[in-house]
Amino acid sequence: MTPQEQKNSILQLAIQGKLVEQRPEEGTAEKLYKQIQAEKQALIKAGKIKKEKPLPEITEEEIPFEIPESWKWVYIGDIFLHNTGKAQNASGSSSGTIRKFITTSNLYWNCFDFSKVKEMPFTEQEIERCSAKKGDLLVCEGGDCGRTAIWTYDEEVCIQNHVHRLRPYALLSIEYYYYLFYLYKFTGRLRGRGVAIQGLSSEAIHKVVCPLPPLAEQKRIVAKIEELLPLIERYEKAWTRLEDFNRRFPGDLQKSILQLAIQGKLVEQRPEEGTGEELYKQIQAEKQTLIKAGKIKKEKPLPEIAEDEVPFEIPESWKWVRWGDLSESIQYGYNAPAQESGRIKMVRISDIQDGQVLWDSVPYCDISEQDIPTYLLSANDILFARTGGTVGKTYLVKDVPEESIYAGYLIRTRYSVKLCPEYMKHFMESQLYWDQLHNGTIATAQPNCNGKTLSKMILPLPPLAEQKRIVAKLEELLPLCERLKA
């Protein structure tokens, strides 16, 4: 049960007469109702309020639940003097005394925000009709219609026409009716009218049906509610922490699993599988062969990895390396307008969604035949978003259903066949990868990251067989995290 549901449940018990016991010596609501009507008639005779058209009898269909025999169903309009305030910019509003007034934007749940209080002229008659005094219940007509607060200040204040003022004809517990409006609002019994902006009309407020307990019981109900509310607040804090934990848990678990993977703690090390140093030397020898054959370009040597760059310990059989030392190329994409037809398909950042290329929507482009080999996509290429809101996101190309190149806001990295593609991709989902990416990202309106940042990234290199076992374990565990997210 959510804190709101729990609060609603307590308030529902309160207005059903189930939160405190009934005491015969406290009288009946019928007797209290007659006192209220007598006070109302006295005000009418004294000319302080106008006589209103009688409200209809409350029908059985309007009664939502049973109440104790000592209680009575009434309309709000029967027990409260109800007014709204003055409209801003009303005709003839230039005369009178300048007074501050509150609007729906100042009125919140049983509190007020006075940071921006407006002013306008009020005549003496308008001040009398449009003022709230201590003990009045104020209800929003528009905005968050039904939002309610008790005016608890000694100083009177004027109100705008979108604020309803409810003033009891005779002594009532105004706090009881505050909680009633709160419950009605959050359980849908208090509904506004209108499409663009909801509004709670004066007629609607008048005809709100509510249970009337004896006055002493109203006060005991409020006392019990206010005894329980701090417990609900404590529950809400605990519930919020739990909800936050549940919301973050799958993502945090996923990060932890990836962290264990790249620290060499997800699977055991096996001496017969060799070492990361041996694998690194094989990759360097392979690169030199490709350079001699003219298949890849010789690059400027990357700096040695300093001790202060190493973020954590890895197994002795592993090796810290730079991405650029493992890659055969880090190539920017091709810049060309997207077309409905053309020489070849061109994958853009927007075509990659949830780790998949939406091949049906990938556009075409025109490109010279001699440039195609430079940008042609192959299985196991990793595409890297280098700019915008998706900077750093990567995609491992599994298959290319038709001949395709990639667009300019992507970087393609190719690497030795002696590496496990999925291990490289999982590294690019780890916190270590993202930390290095953020440190190398140029912060602008459109954040961007270049190939040099990618090339200089450090990563832990296990033997190839261990890379594959790590990937197998990740593919067993990570789907569980996704199920938890769902």
Protein backbone atom coordinates (compact mmCIF):
# COMPACT_ATOMS: atom_id res chain seq x y z
CA MET A 1 0.00 0.00 0.00
CA THR A 2 1.39 3.39 -0.96
CA PRO A 3 1.58 6.18 1.66
CA GLN A 4 -1.20 8.02 -0.18
CA GLU A 5 -3.40 4.92 -0.15
CA GLN A 6 -2.68 4.40 3.54
CA LYS A 7 -3.55 8.02 4.33
CA ASN A 8 -6.73 7.76 2.26
CA SER A 9 -7.66 4.58 4.12
CA ILE A 10 -7.32 6.26 7.52
CA LEU A 11 -9.31 9.29 6.38
CA GLN A 12 -11.96 7.02 4.90
CA LEU A 13 -12.34 5.25 8.26
CA ALA A 14 -12.55 8.69 9.88
CA ILE A 15 -15.46 9.95 7.77
CA GLN A 16 -17.27 6.61 8.07
CA GLY A 17 -17.28 6.87 11.85
CA LYS A 18 -14.87 3.93 12.26
CA LEU A 19 -11.77 5.72 13.53
CA VAL A 20 -13.12 6.63 16.98
CA GLU A 21 -16.07 5.32 18.95
CA GLN A 22 -19.41 7.13 19.20
CA ARG A 23 -20.43 8.50 22.59
CA PRO A 24 -24.14 9.09 23.29
CA GLU A 25 -23.37 11.91 25.71
CA GLU A 26 -21.91 13.94 22.81
CA GLY A 27 -25.34 14.31 21.23
CA THR A 28 -26.28 13.82 17.61
CA ALA A 29 -25.49 15.43 14.31
CA GLU A 30 -29.21 16.15 13.87
CA LYS A 31 -29.12 18.39 16.92
CA LEU A 32 -25.94 20.09 15.65
CA TYR A 33 -27.51 20.53 12.20
CA LYS A 34 -30.54 22.28 13.73
CA GLN A 35 -28.22 24.65 15.62
CA ILE A 36 -26.42 25.44 12.36
CA GLN A 37 -29.71 26.13 10.57
CA ALA A 38 -30.88 28.35 13.42
CA GLU A 39 -27.66 30.37 13.22
CA LYS A 40 -28.07 30.59 9.44
CA GLN A 41 -31.62 31.93 9.80
CA ALA A 42 -30.47 34.48 12.39
CA LEU A 43 -27.84 35.79 9.94
CA ILE A 44 -30.48 36.03 7.21
CA LYS A 45 -32.86 37.96 9.46
CA ALA A 46 -30.06 40.31 10.48
CA GLY A 47 -29.40 40.98 6.79
CA LYS A 48 -25.82 39.72 7.04
CA ILE A 49 -26.35 37.02 4.43
CA LYS A 50 -28.87 36.49 1.66
CA LYS A 51 -31.55 33.84 1.73
CA GLU A 52 -30.69 31.09 -0.76
CA LYS A 53 -32.80 28.66 -2.69
CA PRO A 54 -33.14 25.49 -0.56
CA LEU A 55 -30.94 22.61 -1.64
CA PRO A 56 -32.73 19.39 -2.67
CA GLU A 57 -33.05 16.42 -0.34
CA ILE A 58 -30.05 14.09 -0.44
CA THR A 59 -31.05 10.98 -2.36
CA GLU A 60 -29.98 7.42 -1.60
CA GLU A 61 -27.96 7.38 -4.83
CA GLU A 62 -25.83 10.26 -3.51
CA ILE A 63 -24.88 8.43 -0.32
CA PRO A 64 -21.59 6.56 -0.90
CA PHE A 65 -21.39 4.58 2.36
CA GLU A 66 -23.08 3.98 5.71
CA ILE A 67 -22.44 6.24 8.69
CA PRO A 68 -23.33 5.90 12.41
CA GLU A 69 -26.93 6.56 13.45
CA SER A 70 -25.83 9.62 15.42
CA TRP A 71 -24.39 11.21 12.24
CA LYS A 72 -26.19 12.96 9.39
CA TRP A 73 -25.61 13.39 5.64
CA VAL A 74 -25.57 17.07 4.67
CA TYR A 75 -24.58 19.35 1.81
CA ILE A 76 -21.59 21.65 2.23
CA GLY A 77 -23.91 24.51 1.28
CA ASP A 78 -26.14 23.70 4.26
CA ILE A 79 -23.44 24.12 6.88
CA PHE A 80 -21.04 26.67 5.38
CA LEU A 81 -21.42 30.25 4.22
CA HIS A 82 -19.86 30.04 0.79
CA ASN A 83 -18.32 32.89 -1.22
CA THR A 84 -15.77 33.33 -3.95
CA GLY A 85 -13.42 36.29 -4.28
CA LYS A 86 -13.10 39.17 -6.70
CA ALA A 87 -12.19 38.70 -10.35
CA GLN A 88 -8.98 40.36 -11.47
CA ASN A 89 -9.56 43.22 -13.89
CA ALA A 90 -13.28 43.16 -13.10
CA SER A 91 -15.33 46.03 -14.49
CA GLY A 92 -15.34 49.01 -12.15
CA SER A 93 -12.43 47.54 -10.18
CA SER A 94 -10.36 50.71 -10.26
CA SER A 95 -12.07 52.18 -7.19
CA GLY A 96 -11.43 51.17 -3.61
CA THR A 97 -8.46 50.47 -1.36
CA ILE A 98 -5.43 48.62 -2.71
CA ARG A 99 -5.30 45.28 -0.94
CA LYS A 100 -3.22 42.17 -1.31
CA PHE A 101 -5.15 39.10 -2.40
CA ILE A 102 -4.36 35.43 -2.80
CA THR A 103 -5.00 33.29 -5.83
CA THR A 104 -4.91 29.56 -6.46
CA SER A 105 -1.15 29.91 -7.08
CA ASN A 106 -0.71 30.96 -3.43
CA LEU A 107 -2.85 28.14 -2.01
CA TYR A 108 -1.45 24.65 -1.39
CA TRP A 109 -2.45 21.73 0.83
CA ASN A 110 -2.98 23.45 4.18
CA CYS A 111 -0.23 26.00 3.53
CA PHE A 112 0.27 29.21 1.60
CA ASP A 113 3.07 30.59 -0.56
CA PHE A 114 3.39 34.33 -0.11
CA SER A 115 6.47 34.80 -2.34
CA LYS A 116 4.34 36.37 -5.08
CA VAL A 117 1.23 38.10 -3.76
CA LYS A 118 -0.76 40.34 -6.10
CA GLU A 119 -2.65 43.54 -5.31
CA MET A 120 -5.78 45.27 -6.64
CA PRO A 121 -8.44 47.74 -5.39
CA PHE A 122 -11.29 46.48 -3.20
CA THR A 123 -14.32 48.50 -2.12
CA GLU A 124 -15.63 48.13 1.44
CA GLN A 125 -18.39 45.82 0.24
CA GLU A 126 -15.89 43.70 -1.71
CA ILE A 127 -13.59 43.47 1.30
CA GLU A 128 -16.47 42.11 3.38
CA ARG A 129 -17.52 39.63 0.70
CA CYS A 130 -14.07 38.62 -0.54
CA SER A 131 -12.03 38.35 2.65
CA ALA A 132 -10.89 35.26 4.49
CA LYS A 133 -10.49 35.36 8.26
CA LYS A 134 -8.95 32.97 10.72
CA GLY A 135 -10.73 29.60 10.63
CA ASP A 136 -12.05 29.85 7.06
CA LEU A 137 -11.56 26.93 4.70
CA LEU A 138 -10.23 27.99 1.28
CA VAL A 139 -10.68 25.72 -1.75
CA CYS A 140 -9.17 26.10 -5.24
CA GLU A 141 -11.68 26.36 -8.06
CA GLY A 142 -9.15 26.15 -10.90
CA GLY A 143 -5.65 24.77 -11.37
CA ASP A 144 -5.44 21.83 -9.01
CA CYS A 145 -9.13 22.18 -8.28
CA GLY A 146 -10.14 21.02 -4.82
CA ARG A 147 -6.79 21.83 -3.22
CA THR A 148 -7.68 23.08 0.25
CA ALA A 149 -6.15 25.04 3.14
CA ILE A 150 -7.29 26.55 6.42
CA TRP A 151 -6.58 30.27 6.88
CA THR A 152 -4.87 30.23 10.29
CA TYR A 153 -3.60 33.81 10.40
CA ASP A 154 -5.03 36.57 12.60
CA GLU A 155 -4.77 39.04 9.71
CA GLU A 156 -7.61 38.88 7.19
CA VAL A 157 -6.78 38.53 3.50
CA CYS A 158 -8.69 39.13 0.28
CA ILE A 159 -9.22 36.31 -2.20
CA GLN A 160 -9.54 36.06 -5.95
CA ASN A 161 -12.64 34.69 -7.66
CA HIS A 162 -11.03 31.29 -8.32
CA VAL A 163 -10.78 30.66 -4.59
CA HIS A 164 -13.84 29.42 -2.66
CA ARG A 165 -14.23 30.57 0.94
CA LEU A 166 -16.14 28.27 3.29
CA ARG A 167 -17.08 29.77 6.66
CA PRO A 168 -19.10 27.62 9.10
CA TYR A 169 -22.43 29.07 10.21
CA ALA A 170 -21.95 27.63 13.68
CA LEU A 171 -19.05 26.03 15.49
CA LEU A 172 -17.56 23.14 13.50
CA SER A 173 -14.14 21.52 13.48
CA ILE A 174 -12.67 23.13 10.37
CA GLU A 175 -9.81 20.60 10.47
CA TYR A 176 -12.32 17.76 10.08
CA TYR A 177 -13.61 19.33 6.86
CA TYR A 178 -10.09 20.00 5.64
CA TYR A 179 -9.36 16.27 5.89
CA LEU A 180 -12.70 15.49 4.25
CA PHE A 181 -11.85 17.69 1.25
CA TYR A 182 -8.38 16.11 1.12
CA LEU A 183 -9.89 12.62 0.98
CA TYR A 184 -12.55 13.61 -1.55
CA LYS A 185 -9.89 15.16 -3.77
CA PHE A 186 -7.61 12.12 -3.75
CA THR A 187 -10.40 9.57 -4.14
CA GLY A 188 -12.15 11.31 -7.02
CA ARG A 189 -15.27 12.40 -5.16
CA LEU A 190 -14.43 16.04 -5.73
CA ARG A 191 -14.43 16.62 -9.47
CA GLY A 192 -14.07 19.78 -11.49
CA ARG A 193 -15.71 20.66 -14.76
CA GLY A 194 -14.06 21.83 -17.96
CA VAL A 195 -11.67 20.55 -20.59
CA ALA A 196 -8.74 22.95 -21.03
CA ILE A 197 -8.78 24.06 -17.38
CA GLN A 198 -10.74 22.14 -14.77
CA GLY A 199 -12.93 24.23 -12.51
CA LEU A 200 -14.92 23.47 -9.39
CA SER A 201 -18.04 25.62 -9.64
CA SER A 202 -19.89 27.26 -6.75
CA GLU A 203 -22.87 25.01 -7.42
CA ALA A 204 -20.64 21.94 -7.29
CA ILE A 205 -19.13 23.03 -3.96
CA HIS A 206 -22.61 23.72 -2.56
CA LYS A 207 -23.75 20.21 -3.46
CA VAL A 208 -20.78 18.28 -2.07
CA VAL A 209 -22.39 15.61 0.11
CA CYS A 210 -20.56 14.94 3.37
CA PRO A 211 -21.10 13.20 6.71
CA LEU A 212 -21.71 15.43 9.73
CA PRO A 213 -20.71 13.96 13.13
CA PRO A 214 -21.44 15.63 16.49
CA LEU A 215 -18.96 18.43 17.19
CA ALA A 216 -17.13 16.65 20.03
CA GLU A 217 -16.69 13.61 17.83
CA GLN A 218 -15.35 15.76 14.98
CA LYS A 219 -12.65 17.00 17.35
CA ARG A 220 -11.80 13.49 18.54
CA ILE A 221 -11.57 12.31 14.92
CA VAL A 222 -9.13 15.13 14.12
CA ALA A 223 -7.05 14.33 17.20
CA LYS A 224 -6.81 10.67 16.14
CA ILE A 225 -5.90 11.60 12.55
CA GLU A 226 -3.17 13.93 13.78
CA GLU A 227 -1.89 11.19 16.05
CA LEU A 228 -1.61 8.82 13.08
CA LEU A 229 -0.29 11.20 10.41
CA PRO A 230 3.30 11.31 11.80
CA LEU A 231 3.35 7.51 11.57
CA ILE A 232 2.26 7.74 7.93
CA GLU A 233 4.99 10.31 7.31
CA ARG A 234 7.57 7.92 8.76
CA TYR A 235 6.13 5.15 6.63
CA GLU A 236 6.28 7.43 3.57
CA LYS A 237 9.99 8.09 4.12
CA ALA A 238 10.72 4.38 4.43
CA TRP A 239 8.49 3.58 1.46
CA THR A 240 10.17 6.27 -0.65
CA ARG A 241 13.61 4.88 0.21
CA LEU A 242 12.43 1.39 -0.69
CA GLU A 243 10.90 2.58 -3.96
CA ASP A 244 14.11 4.43 -4.80
CA PHE A 245 16.12 1.31 -3.99
CA ASN A 246 13.82 -0.86 -6.12
CA ARG A 247 14.05 1.65 -8.97
CA ARG A 248 17.85 1.82 -8.83
CA PHE A 249 18.52 -1.79 -7.91
CA PRO A 250 18.41 -3.38 -11.40
CA GLY A 251 20.69 -0.68 -12.84
CA ASP A 252 23.03 -0.80 -9.84
CA LEU A 253 23.13 -4.59 -10.02
CA GLN A 254 23.93 -4.41 -13.72
CA LYS A 255 26.79 -1.97 -13.04
CA SER A 256 28.10 -4.18 -10.25
CA ILE A 257 28.06 -7.27 -12.46
CA LEU A 258 29.94 -5.43 -15.24
CA GLN A 259 32.41 -4.12 -12.67
CA LEU A 260 33.06 -7.63 -11.37
CA ALA A 261 33.50 -8.79 -14.97
CA ILE A 262 36.22 -6.27 -15.84
CA GLN A 263 37.95 -6.78 -12.48
CA GLY A 264 38.36 -10.50 -13.12
CA LYS A 265 35.97 -11.47 -10.31
CA LEU A 266 33.07 -12.89 -12.31
CA VAL A 267 34.74 -16.11 -13.46
CA GLU A 268 37.86 -17.91 -12.23
CA GLN A 269 41.26 -17.65 -13.92
CA ARG A 270 42.69 -20.77 -15.55
CA PRO A 271 46.48 -20.99 -16.06
CA GLU A 272 46.08 -23.15 -19.16
CA GLU A 273 44.33 -20.27 -20.96
CA GLY A 274 47.50 -18.18 -21.10
CA THR A 275 47.86 -14.52 -20.13
CA GLY A 276 46.76 -11.09 -21.26
CA GLU A 277 50.42 -10.22 -21.90
CA GLU A 278 50.77 -13.12 -24.36
CA LEU A 279 47.55 -12.10 -26.14
CA TYR A 280 48.70 -8.47 -26.30
CA LYS A 281 51.99 -9.47 -27.96
CA GLN A 282 50.10 -11.58 -30.52
CA ILE A 283 47.85 -8.60 -31.34
CA GLN A 284 50.87 -6.27 -31.73
CA ALA A 285 52.57 -8.76 -34.05
CA GLU A 286 49.38 -9.03 -36.10
CA LYS A 287 49.17 -5.22 -36.34
CA GLN A 288 52.74 -4.97 -37.57
CA THR A 289 51.98 -7.53 -40.28
CA LEU A 290 48.95 -5.52 -41.42
CA ILE A 291 51.00 -2.28 -41.43
CA LYS A 292 53.72 -3.89 -43.56
CA ALA A 293 51.06 -5.18 -45.95
CA GLY A 294 49.65 -1.64 -46.24
CA LYS A 295 46.27 -2.73 -44.93
CA ILE A 296 46.31 -0.38 -41.96
CA LYS A 297 48.23 2.82 -41.23
CA LYS A 298 51.07 3.10 -38.77
CA GLU A 299 50.05 5.32 -35.88
CA LYS A 300 51.92 7.41 -33.36
CA PRO A 301 52.70 5.24 -30.30
CA LEU A 302 50.36 5.78 -27.37
CA PRO A 303 51.82 6.76 -23.99
CA GLU A 304 52.65 4.11 -21.42
CA ILE A 305 49.91 3.55 -18.82
CA ALA A 306 50.92 5.38 -15.64
CA GLU A 307 50.27 3.92 -12.18
CA ASP A 308 47.87 6.73 -11.29
CA GLU A 309 45.72 5.86 -14.33
CA VAL A 310 45.01 2.34 -13.06
CA PRO A 311 41.69 2.45 -11.13
CA PHE A 312 41.72 -1.03 -9.56
CA GLU A 313 43.65 -4.28 -9.32
CA ILE A 314 43.21 -7.03 -11.89
CA PRO A 315 44.39 -10.66 -11.90
CA GLU A 316 48.10 -11.28 -12.54
CA SER A 317 47.24 -13.04 -15.78
CA TRP A 318 45.52 -9.90 -17.14
CA LYS A 319 47.08 -6.75 -18.60
CA TRP A 320 46.13 -3.06 -18.67
CA VAL A 321 46.13 -1.84 -22.28
CA ARG A 322 44.90 1.13 -24.30
CA TRP A 323 42.03 0.73 -26.73
CA GLY A 324 44.12 2.17 -29.55
CA ASP A 325 46.71 -0.57 -29.09
CA LEU A 326 44.04 -3.21 -29.69
CA SER A 327 42.29 -1.48 -32.56
CA GLU A 328 43.20 -1.72 -36.20
CA SER A 329 41.37 1.48 -37.05
CA ILE A 330 39.29 4.24 -35.48
CA GLN A 331 37.45 5.75 -38.44
CA TYR A 332 34.97 8.67 -38.59
CA GLY A 333 31.82 8.15 -40.66
CA TYR A 334 30.84 9.52 -44.06
CA ASN A 335 29.04 12.85 -44.38
CA ALA A 336 26.27 12.85 -46.97
CA PRO A 337 22.57 13.80 -47.14
CA ALA A 338 20.16 10.98 -46.37
CA GLN A 339 18.03 9.94 -49.37
CA GLU A 340 15.11 7.62 -50.04
CA SER A 341 17.19 5.89 -52.68
CA GLY A 342 20.83 5.92 -53.66
CA ARG A 343 23.99 3.91 -54.11
CA ILE A 344 24.17 2.39 -50.62
CA LYS A 345 22.49 2.42 -47.20
CA MET A 346 23.91 4.76 -44.54
CA VAL A 347 23.38 3.94 -40.86
CA ARG A 348 22.85 7.00 -38.63
CA ILE A 349 22.75 7.39 -34.84
CA SER A 350 18.95 7.67 -34.98
CA ASP A 351 18.70 4.33 -36.78
CA ILE A 352 20.14 2.51 -33.75
CA GLN A 353 17.48 1.94 -31.07
CA ASP A 354 17.72 -0.36 -28.03
CA GLY A 355 20.85 -2.03 -29.33
CA GLN A 356 19.36 -2.76 -32.76
CA VAL A 357 19.68 -1.19 -36.18
CA LEU A 358 16.24 -0.48 -37.63
CA TRP A 359 17.31 -1.57 -41.08
CA ASP A 360 13.93 -0.92 -42.69
CA SER A 361 14.22 2.79 -41.91
CA VAL A 362 17.93 3.20 -42.73
CA PRO A 363 18.20 5.72 -45.60
CA TYR A 364 20.44 5.63 -48.64
CA CYS A 365 23.15 8.02 -49.77
CA ASP A 366 25.38 8.64 -52.78
CA ILE A 367 29.08 7.92 -52.43
CA SER A 368 31.88 7.29 -54.90
CA GLU A 369 32.88 3.68 -55.47
CA GLN A 370 36.45 4.34 -54.37
CA ASP A 371 35.29 5.66 -50.95
CA ILE A 372 32.98 2.75 -50.14
CA PRO A 373 35.69 0.38 -48.78
CA THR A 374 36.77 3.04 -46.25
CA TYR A 375 33.31 3.23 -44.66
CA LEU A 376 31.88 -0.21 -45.33
CA LEU A 377 30.38 -1.93 -42.31
CA SER A 378 31.34 -5.50 -41.39
CA ALA A 379 30.26 -7.91 -38.68
CA ASN A 380 31.92 -7.23 -35.30
CA ASP A 381 32.55 -3.55 -36.04
CA ILE A 382 31.73 -1.36 -33.04
CA LEU A 383 29.99 1.93 -33.80
CA PHE A 384 30.49 4.78 -31.33
CA ALA A 385 28.25 7.89 -31.12
CA ARG A 386 30.59 10.85 -30.93
CA THR A 387 28.19 13.76 -30.40
CA GLY A 388 24.83 14.86 -28.99
CA GLY A 389 22.69 13.35 -26.27
CA THR A 390 23.78 9.80 -27.13
CA VAL A 391 27.54 10.53 -27.05
CA GLY A 392 29.43 7.42 -25.99
CA LYS A 393 26.66 4.95 -26.80
CA THR A 394 27.99 1.97 -28.73
CA TYR A 395 26.60 -0.69 -31.02
CA LEU A 396 28.19 -4.01 -31.91
CA VAL A 397 27.42 -4.84 -35.53
CA LYS A 398 26.23 -8.44 -35.55
CA ASP A 399 25.25 -8.70 -39.18
CA VAL A 400 24.80 -6.45 -42.19
CA PRO A 401 21.79 -7.60 -44.24
CA GLU A 402 22.80 -5.43 -47.17
CA GLU A 403 25.83 -3.41 -48.12
CA SER A 404 25.98 -0.37 -45.82
CA ILE A 405 28.22 2.44 -44.64
CA TYR A 406 27.84 4.64 -41.55
CA ALA A 407 27.19 8.35 -41.09
CA GLY A 408 29.46 11.17 -39.94
CA TYR A 409 28.35 11.42 -36.31
CA LEU A 410 29.51 7.85 -35.72
CA ILE A 411 32.99 6.41 -35.26
CA ARG A 412 33.73 2.85 -36.32
CA THR A 413 36.39 0.93 -34.46
CA ARG A 414 37.86 -2.33 -35.73
CA TYR A 415 40.11 -4.54 -33.66
CA SER A 416 41.99 -7.81 -33.73
CA VAL A 417 40.14 -11.03 -34.46
CA LYS A 418 41.99 -12.38 -31.44
CA LEU A 419 39.59 -10.43 -29.23
CA CYS A 420 36.04 -11.38 -28.24
CA PRO A 421 33.72 -8.70 -29.74
CA GLU A 422 31.11 -9.09 -27.00
CA TYR A 423 33.76 -8.57 -24.28
CA MET A 424 34.81 -5.32 -25.94
CA LYS A 425 31.17 -4.20 -26.16
CA HIS A 426 30.54 -5.02 -22.50
CA PHE A 427 33.60 -3.01 -21.52
CA MET A 428 31.97 -0.07 -23.33
CA GLU A 429 28.99 -0.42 -21.00
CA SER A 430 31.07 -0.41 -17.80
CA GLN A 431 31.53 2.48 -15.38
CA LEU A 432 35.26 2.58 -16.17
CA TYR A 433 34.46 3.26 -19.82
CA TRP A 434 31.91 5.97 -18.99
CA ASP A 435 34.22 7.66 -16.49
CA GLN A 436 36.97 7.92 -19.09
CA LEU A 437 34.51 9.07 -21.73
CA HIS A 438 33.18 11.88 -19.53
CA ASN A 439 36.71 13.02 -18.74
CA GLY A 440 37.44 13.23 -22.46
CA THR A 441 34.11 14.73 -23.54
CA ILE A 442 34.07 18.33 -24.71
CA ALA A 443 31.26 20.05 -22.83
CA THR A 444 29.30 22.20 -25.28
CA ALA A 445 25.65 22.65 -26.19
CA GLN A 446 26.17 19.44 -28.20
CA PRO A 447 28.67 17.39 -26.14
CA ASN A 448 31.13 15.52 -28.32
CA CYS A 449 33.98 13.07 -28.01
CA ASN A 450 36.68 12.29 -30.55
CA GLY A 451 38.69 9.30 -31.68
CA LYS A 452 41.70 10.33 -29.58
CA THR A 453 39.69 9.94 -26.38
CA LEU A 454 38.60 6.49 -27.46
CA SER A 455 42.14 5.53 -28.49
CA LYS A 456 43.66 6.53 -25.13
CA MET A 457 41.12 4.68 -22.98
CA ILE A 458 42.58 1.99 -20.77
CA LEU A 459 40.91 -1.37 -20.31
CA PRO A 460 41.76 -4.68 -18.65
CA LEU A 461 42.71 -7.43 -21.10
CA PRO A 462 42.10 -11.06 -20.08
CA PRO A 463 43.16 -14.08 -22.16
CA LEU A 464 40.78 -14.75 -25.06
CA ALA A 465 39.27 -17.93 -23.55
CA GLU A 466 38.53 -16.06 -20.34
CA GLN A 467 36.94 -13.19 -22.30
CA LYS A 468 34.55 -15.71 -23.80
CA ARG A 469 33.72 -17.21 -20.41
CA ILE A 470 33.11 -13.74 -18.99
CA VAL A 471 30.72 -12.99 -21.86
CA ALA A 472 28.88 -16.29 -21.32
CA LYS A 473 28.39 -15.44 -17.65
CA LEU A 474 27.26 -11.88 -18.45
CA GLU A 475 24.75 -13.17 -20.97
CA GLU A 476 23.39 -15.42 -18.25
CA LEU A 477 23.12 -12.65 -15.61
CA LEU A 478 22.34 -9.40 -17.45
CA PRO A 479 18.95 -10.56 -18.81
CA LEU A 480 17.90 -11.06 -15.17
CA CYS A 481 18.64 -7.36 -14.57
CA GLU A 482 16.49 -6.43 -17.57
CA ARG A 483 13.66 -8.54 -16.19
CA LEU A 484 13.97 -6.73 -12.86
CA LYS A 485 13.76 -3.38 -14.68
CA ALA A 486 10.59 -4.50 -16.44
